[in-house]
Protein backbone atom coordinates (compact mmCIF):
# COMPACT_ATOMS: atom_id res chain seq x y z
CA UNK A 1 9.26 -31.89 21.89
CA UNK A 2 12.72 -31.58 23.47
CA UNK A 3 14.09 -28.11 22.73
CA UNK A 4 17.64 -29.34 23.42
CA UNK A 5 17.47 -31.17 20.10
CA UNK A 6 16.00 -28.33 18.05
CA UNK A 7 18.23 -26.16 15.86
CA UNK A 8 16.70 -22.67 15.97
CA UNK A 9 17.78 -22.23 12.34
CA UNK A 10 14.97 -24.64 11.55
CA UNK A 11 12.50 -21.93 12.56
CA UNK A 12 14.02 -19.64 9.93
CA UNK A 13 13.66 -22.41 7.34
CA UNK A 14 10.09 -23.03 8.49
CA UNK A 15 9.22 -19.35 8.20
CA UNK A 16 10.51 -19.15 4.63
CA UNK A 17 8.93 -22.45 3.59
CA UNK A 18 5.51 -21.39 4.85
CA UNK A 19 5.81 -18.05 3.09
CA UNK A 20 7.13 -19.35 -0.26
CA UNK A 21 5.47 -22.80 -0.26
CA UNK A 22 8.23 -23.95 -2.58
CA UNK A 23 11.39 -25.83 -1.59
CA UNK A 24 13.55 -24.63 -4.50
CA UNK A 25 12.57 -20.98 -4.09
CA UNK A 26 13.06 -21.17 -0.32
CA UNK A 27 16.53 -22.63 -0.79
CA UNK A 28 17.45 -19.79 -3.15
CA UNK A 29 16.26 -17.13 -0.71
CA UNK A 30 18.23 -18.71 2.13
CA UNK A 31 21.36 -19.22 0.03
CA UNK A 32 21.46 -22.99 0.49
CA UNK A 33 21.16 -25.90 -1.93
CA UNK A 34 17.86 -27.50 -2.80
CA UNK A 35 18.90 -30.86 -1.21
CA UNK A 36 19.82 -29.01 2.00
CA UNK A 37 16.40 -27.34 2.01
CA UNK A 38 14.69 -30.68 1.44
CA UNK A 39 16.66 -32.14 4.34
CA UNK A 40 15.59 -29.22 6.54
CA UNK A 41 11.95 -29.86 5.63
CA UNK A 42 12.45 -33.52 6.56
CA UNK A 43 13.88 -32.49 9.96
CA UNK A 44 10.96 -30.11 10.51
CA UNK A 45 8.49 -32.89 9.77
CA UNK A 46 10.22 -35.14 12.26
CA UNK A 47 10.47 -32.41 14.92
CA UNK A 48 6.80 -31.44 14.71
CA UNK A 49 5.46 -34.86 13.74
CA UNK A 50 3.55 -33.15 10.94
CA UNK A 51 3.98 -33.03 7.14
CA UNK A 52 4.23 -29.18 7.27
CA UNK A 53 3.81 -28.91 3.47
CA UNK A 54 1.85 -31.30 1.27
CA UNK A 55 1.72 -31.48 -2.50
CA UNK A 56 -1.64 -30.60 -4.11
CA UNK A 57 -2.87 -29.75 -7.59
CA UNK A 58 -2.24 -26.10 -6.67
CA UNK A 59 1.33 -26.79 -5.57
CA UNK A 60 2.73 -27.22 -2.06
CA UNK A 61 0.23 -26.21 0.61
CA UNK A 62 0.76 -25.91 4.40
CA UNK A 63 -1.06 -28.24 6.75
CA UNK A 64 -3.56 -26.94 9.26
CA UNK A 65 -1.00 -27.14 12.06
CA UNK A 66 1.61 -25.33 9.97
CA UNK A 67 -0.85 -22.51 9.30
CA UNK A 68 -1.55 -22.24 13.01
CA UNK A 69 2.18 -21.98 13.73
CA UNK A 70 3.04 -19.43 11.05
CA UNK A 71 2.20 -16.25 12.97
CA UNK A 72 3.87 -17.51 16.16
CA UNK A 73 7.04 -18.47 14.29
CA UNK A 74 7.23 -14.97 12.74
CA UNK A 75 6.82 -13.35 16.17
CA UNK A 76 9.51 -15.59 17.70
CA UNK A 77 11.97 -14.71 14.94
CA UNK A 78 11.16 -11.02 15.23
CA UNK A 79 11.83 -11.15 18.97
CA UNK A 80 15.16 -12.89 18.41
CA UNK A 81 16.13 -10.32 15.76
CA UNK A 82 15.29 -7.52 18.18
CA UNK A 83 17.53 -9.03 20.87
CA UNK A 84 20.55 -9.60 18.63
CA UNK A 85 20.18 -6.50 16.43
CA UNK A 86 23.18 -4.16 16.77
CA UNK A 87 22.63 -1.16 19.02
CA UNK A 88 24.38 1.17 16.58
CA UNK A 89 22.29 3.61 14.60
CA UNK A 90 21.19 2.82 11.07
CA UNK A 91 23.94 4.09 8.71
CA UNK A 92 21.99 6.00 6.08
CA UNK A 93 25.06 7.03 4.08
CA UNK A 94 26.24 3.49 3.31
CA UNK A 95 23.07 1.38 3.34
CA UNK A 96 21.77 -0.28 0.19
CA UNK A 97 18.61 -1.58 1.84
CA UNK A 98 15.53 -2.21 -0.28
CA UNK A 99 12.30 -0.83 1.21
CA UNK A 100 9.10 -2.34 -0.16
CA UNK A 101 6.32 0.22 0.05
CA UNK A 102 2.78 -0.47 -1.03
CA UNK A 103 0.83 2.63 -2.00
CA UNK A 104 -1.79 3.78 -4.47
CA UNK A 105 -1.34 6.01 -7.49
CA UNK A 106 -2.44 8.85 -5.20
CA UNK A 107 0.43 8.11 -2.80
CA UNK A 108 2.93 7.75 -5.63
CA UNK A 109 2.08 11.16 -7.05
CA UNK A 110 1.64 13.17 -3.84
CA UNK A 111 4.21 11.65 -1.45
CA UNK A 112 6.82 9.49 -3.19
CA UNK A 113 8.51 12.29 -5.20
CA UNK A 114 9.36 14.07 -1.93
CA UNK A 115 10.57 10.81 -0.38
CA UNK A 116 12.89 10.23 -3.34
CA UNK A 117 14.29 13.76 -3.00
CA UNK A 118 15.15 13.20 0.65
CA UNK A 119 16.62 9.77 -0.02
CA UNK A 120 18.92 11.22 -2.68
CA UNK A 121 20.25 13.62 -0.05
CA UNK A 122 20.40 11.37 3.01
CA UNK A 123 20.56 7.75 1.84
CA UNK A 124 21.45 7.58 -1.87
CA UNK A 125 21.97 3.82 -1.76
CA UNK A 126 18.42 3.03 -0.62
CA UNK A 127 16.23 1.31 -3.20
CA UNK A 128 12.42 1.66 -3.22
CA UNK A 129 10.23 -1.16 -4.50
CA UNK A 130 6.80 0.46 -4.86
CA UNK A 131 3.89 -2.00 -5.05
CA UNK A 132 0.25 -1.49 -5.95
CA UNK A 133 -2.42 -2.18 -3.30
CA UNK A 134 -3.69 -5.11 -5.38
CA UNK A 135 -0.25 -6.78 -5.42
CA UNK A 136 -0.43 -8.24 -1.90
CA UNK A 137 -2.82 -8.98 0.95
CA UNK A 138 -2.96 -7.76 4.54
CA UNK A 139 -1.71 -11.20 5.63
CA UNK A 140 1.48 -10.81 3.61
CA UNK A 141 2.01 -7.34 5.06
CA UNK A 142 1.46 -8.70 8.56
CA UNK A 143 4.17 -11.28 7.89
CA UNK A 144 6.65 -8.49 7.20
CA UNK A 145 7.03 -9.12 3.47
CA UNK A 146 6.22 -5.44 2.84
CA UNK A 147 7.77 -2.65 4.90
CA UNK A 148 4.98 -0.09 4.73
CA UNK A 149 1.46 0.32 3.37
CA UNK A 150 0.49 3.93 2.66
CA UNK A 151 -3.07 4.51 1.55
CA UNK A 152 -6.65 5.28 2.54
CA UNK A 153 -8.17 2.38 4.47
CA UNK A 154 -11.74 1.49 5.39
CA UNK A 155 -10.40 -1.13 7.79
CA UNK A 156 -7.10 -2.53 8.95
CA UNK A 157 -5.94 -5.47 11.13
CA UNK A 158 -5.78 -4.40 14.78
CA UNK A 159 -2.26 -5.81 15.08
CA UNK A 160 -0.87 -3.19 12.67
CA UNK A 161 0.88 -0.06 13.86
CA UNK A 162 -0.39 3.02 12.06
CA UNK A 163 -0.08 6.78 11.85
CA UNK A 164 -2.09 9.39 9.95
CA UNK A 165 0.13 11.27 7.50
CA UNK A 166 -2.45 13.89 6.53
CA UNK A 167 -6.12 14.57 5.90
CA UNK A 168 -7.32 15.46 2.43
CA UNK A 169 -10.46 16.90 0.87
CA UNK A 170 -11.83 16.58 -2.67
CA UNK A 171 -11.63 18.89 -5.68
CA UNK A 172 -13.05 18.90 -9.20
CA UNK A 173 -11.01 19.14 -12.40
CA UNK A 174 -12.41 19.98 -15.82
CA UNK A 175 -11.37 21.59 -19.09
CA UNK A 176 -11.48 25.37 -19.46
CA UNK A 177 -13.62 24.62 -22.54
CA UNK A 178 -16.10 22.50 -20.59
CA UNK A 179 -19.52 24.23 -20.39
CA UNK A 180 -19.55 23.71 -16.62
CA UNK A 181 -16.67 26.17 -16.35
CA UNK A 182 -19.15 28.99 -17.02
CA UNK A 183 -21.56 27.99 -14.24
CA UNK A 184 -20.30 25.27 -11.90
CA UNK A 185 -23.28 24.32 -9.76
CA UNK A 186 -24.76 21.09 -8.48
CA UNK A 187 -27.11 21.00 -11.47
CA UNK A 188 -24.33 21.47 -14.03
CA UNK A 189 -22.21 18.91 -12.14
CA UNK A 190 -25.01 16.33 -12.40
CA UNK A 191 -25.57 17.14 -16.09
CA UNK A 192 -21.91 16.43 -16.91
CA UNK A 193 -20.14 13.15 -17.71
CA UNK A 194 -17.76 11.96 -15.01
CA UNK A 195 -14.54 10.03 -14.49
CA UNK A 196 -14.61 7.65 -11.52
CA UNK A 197 -11.36 6.83 -9.74
CA UNK A 198 -11.05 3.78 -7.51
CA UNK A 199 -10.60 4.08 -3.76
CA UNK A 200 -7.91 1.43 -4.03
CA UNK A 201 -7.67 -1.04 -1.17
CA UNK A 202 -5.79 -4.24 -0.40
CA UNK A 203 -6.08 -7.38 -2.50
CA UNK A 204 -6.92 -7.99 -6.12
CA UNK A 205 -9.45 -5.55 -7.52
CA UNK A 206 -12.56 -6.39 -9.51
CA UNK A 207 -14.34 -4.65 -12.36
CA UNK A 208 -17.10 -2.21 -11.52
CA UNK A 209 -20.17 -0.72 -13.22
CA UNK A 210 -22.32 2.36 -12.51
CA UNK A 211 -24.95 0.06 -10.97
CA UNK A 212 -22.55 -1.01 -8.21
CA UNK A 213 -23.67 1.84 -5.97
CA UNK A 214 -22.43 0.10 -2.82
CA UNK A 215 -18.90 0.00 -4.22
CA UNK A 216 -18.60 3.40 -5.88
CA UNK A 217 -16.97 5.12 -2.92
CA UNK A 218 -16.87 8.50 -1.22
CA UNK A 219 -18.01 10.84 -4.00
CA UNK A 220 -21.02 8.77 -5.00
CA UNK A 221 -21.94 8.00 -1.40
CA UNK A 222 -21.97 11.75 -0.71
CA UNK A 223 -24.26 12.28 -3.70
CA UNK A 224 -26.60 9.50 -2.62
CA UNK A 225 -26.96 11.13 0.80
CA UNK A 226 -28.49 14.18 -0.89
CA UNK A 227 -30.57 12.04 -3.27
CA UNK A 228 -28.53 12.28 -6.47
CA UNK A 229 -26.41 10.17 -8.81
CA UNK A 230 -23.85 11.26 -11.39
CA UNK A 231 -23.35 9.84 -14.88
CA UNK A 232 -20.05 7.96 -14.97
CA UNK A 233 -18.52 7.58 -18.42
CA UNK A 234 -15.03 6.34 -17.51
CA UNK A 235 -13.70 4.07 -14.76
CA UNK A 236 -10.00 4.22 -13.96
CA UNK A 237 -7.71 3.14 -11.13
CA UNK A 238 -5.15 5.94 -11.60
CA UNK A 239 -5.41 9.52 -10.40
CA UNK A 240 -2.84 10.79 -12.89
CA UNK A 241 -4.80 9.26 -15.77
CA UNK A 242 -7.96 10.86 -14.42
CA UNK A 243 -6.27 14.25 -14.27
CA UNK A 244 -5.28 13.93 -17.93
CA UNK A 245 -8.83 12.95 -18.85
CA UNK A 246 -10.00 16.19 -17.24
CA UNK A 247 -8.63 17.97 -20.29
CA UNK A 248 -11.38 16.38 -22.38
CA UNK A 249 -14.10 18.95 -23.01
CA UNK A 250 -17.04 16.92 -21.72
CA UNK A 251 -15.61 15.29 -18.57
CA UNK A 252 -15.50 16.23 -14.89
CA UNK A 253 -13.04 14.55 -12.54
CA UNK A 254 -13.53 14.56 -8.75
CA UNK A 255 -10.37 13.48 -6.93
CA UNK A 256 -8.47 14.23 -3.70
CA UNK A 257 -7.25 17.81 -3.54
CA UNK A 258 -3.55 16.95 -3.28
CA UNK A 259 -3.80 14.93 -6.48
CA UNK A 260 -5.78 17.68 -8.20
CA UNK A 261 -3.25 20.37 -7.25
CA UNK A 262 -0.60 18.57 -9.28
CA UNK A 263 -2.45 20.16 -12.24
CA UNK A 264 -2.68 23.69 -10.83
CA UNK A 265 -0.13 25.02 -13.34
CA UNK A 266 -1.90 23.35 -16.25
CA UNK A 267 -3.61 26.16 -18.23
CA UNK A 268 -5.96 23.69 -19.90
CA UNK A 269 -7.85 22.73 -16.73
CA UNK A 270 -9.81 24.42 -13.95
CA UNK A 271 -9.75 23.31 -10.30
CA UNK A 272 -12.89 23.97 -8.26
CA UNK A 273 -14.32 22.72 -4.96
CA UNK A 274 -17.24 20.30 -5.41
CA UNK A 275 -20.69 21.93 -5.42
CA UNK A 276 -21.75 19.62 -2.57
CA UNK A 277 -20.15 18.34 0.61
CA UNK A 278 -17.82 15.31 0.39
CA UNK A 279 -16.32 14.21 3.72
CA UNK A 280 -12.53 14.22 3.81
CA UNK A 281 -10.39 11.18 4.47
CA UNK A 282 -7.23 10.21 6.33
CA UNK A 283 -4.12 9.15 4.42
CA UNK A 284 -2.35 6.60 6.64
CA UNK A 285 0.89 4.69 6.92
CA UNK A 286 0.80 1.24 8.52
CA UNK A 287 3.27 -1.55 9.18
CA UNK A 288 3.58 -4.99 10.70
CA UNK A 289 4.36 -5.32 14.42
CA UNK A 290 7.23 -7.56 13.33
CA UNK A 291 9.04 -4.49 11.97
CA UNK A 292 8.24 -2.09 14.80
CA UNK A 293 11.73 -2.25 16.38
CA UNK A 294 13.83 -2.58 13.23
CA UNK A 295 16.21 0.40 13.19
CA UNK A 296 16.24 0.86 9.42
CA UNK A 297 12.47 0.69 9.43
CA UNK A 298 12.21 3.22 12.24
CA UNK A 299 14.41 5.62 10.28
CA UNK A 300 12.29 5.31 7.12
CA UNK A 301 9.07 5.84 9.10
CA UNK A 302 10.47 9.00 10.70
CA UNK A 303 11.59 10.31 7.30
CA UNK A 304 8.16 9.79 5.72
CA UNK A 305 6.29 11.28 8.69
CA UNK A 306 8.57 14.34 8.61
CA UNK A 307 7.96 14.81 4.87
CA UNK A 308 4.19 14.40 5.22
CA UNK A 309 3.95 16.88 8.06
CA UNK A 310 6.27 19.51 6.59
CA UNK A 311 5.13 19.69 2.94
CA UNK A 312 2.22 22.17 2.65
CA UNK A 313 -0.60 21.21 0.29
CA UNK A 314 0.01 24.42 -1.65
CA UNK A 315 3.43 23.18 -2.78
CA UNK A 316 1.99 20.20 -4.64
CA UNK A 317 2.49 20.84 -8.36
CA UNK A 318 5.29 23.41 -7.85
CA UNK A 319 8.03 20.86 -8.26
């Protein structure tokens, strides 16, 4: 291939085409006409001597060579953006940038309210698009389609940059009318009915049953280590819903302490430490290496890290 005859704009078109896998949608995102996008795809096919995208029963799909090129094309474009990006600081007062942040219900309730407060003061034009962990995959995050992922992770691609925002423990919530409130021990804990809350991860989630012991997560793994199982009556994917269910007389909810403390001013519930040891976990923020040097992104990361490190756990629920 002779680089003298390659328009570098074609790499931008290629990047969008491989991400969207749709000519019309790619044209819209790039602000060009559909015929112009089709012509660009034709030029790409000629330049690489490869179909790039082929039509299947599932829509347009990239060829094997196109898939192999995708990561390299993203890195090339990121490098070019870094070179030509203005050296001026990110203007927080005038920006209307949209930040796409993927986080769990736990992150939404314990971190995002404080982020929104700071944004209102420092960057009122910023828009947050908050996604659920099941909305996208690690691959899409790696491609820079999401700015930040903030969650608990069992594993993460090695290419990602990451920082620990805080460590959290677990607490139990239950109604003041629940019999366990009179004598909260391991035995009374095991005799109670429980609400299970998902340790949400990346990708589409699947249904779960009490027999799925390998998928039940930290609380049940801690119980299994001491030879016990709890009786789970309700499965939910939302910490705030679980906290509301704690008001039911016969239910016990075991959730991260920061989420539990959002209910500390609720006179209808009691917050107690678990009557057995549950290892804590790290709440992390991660991002694609493609966004590492983006000035707006750097500013948002600093803001979130500052909030996470300066907000004491005891303030949760005092908003």
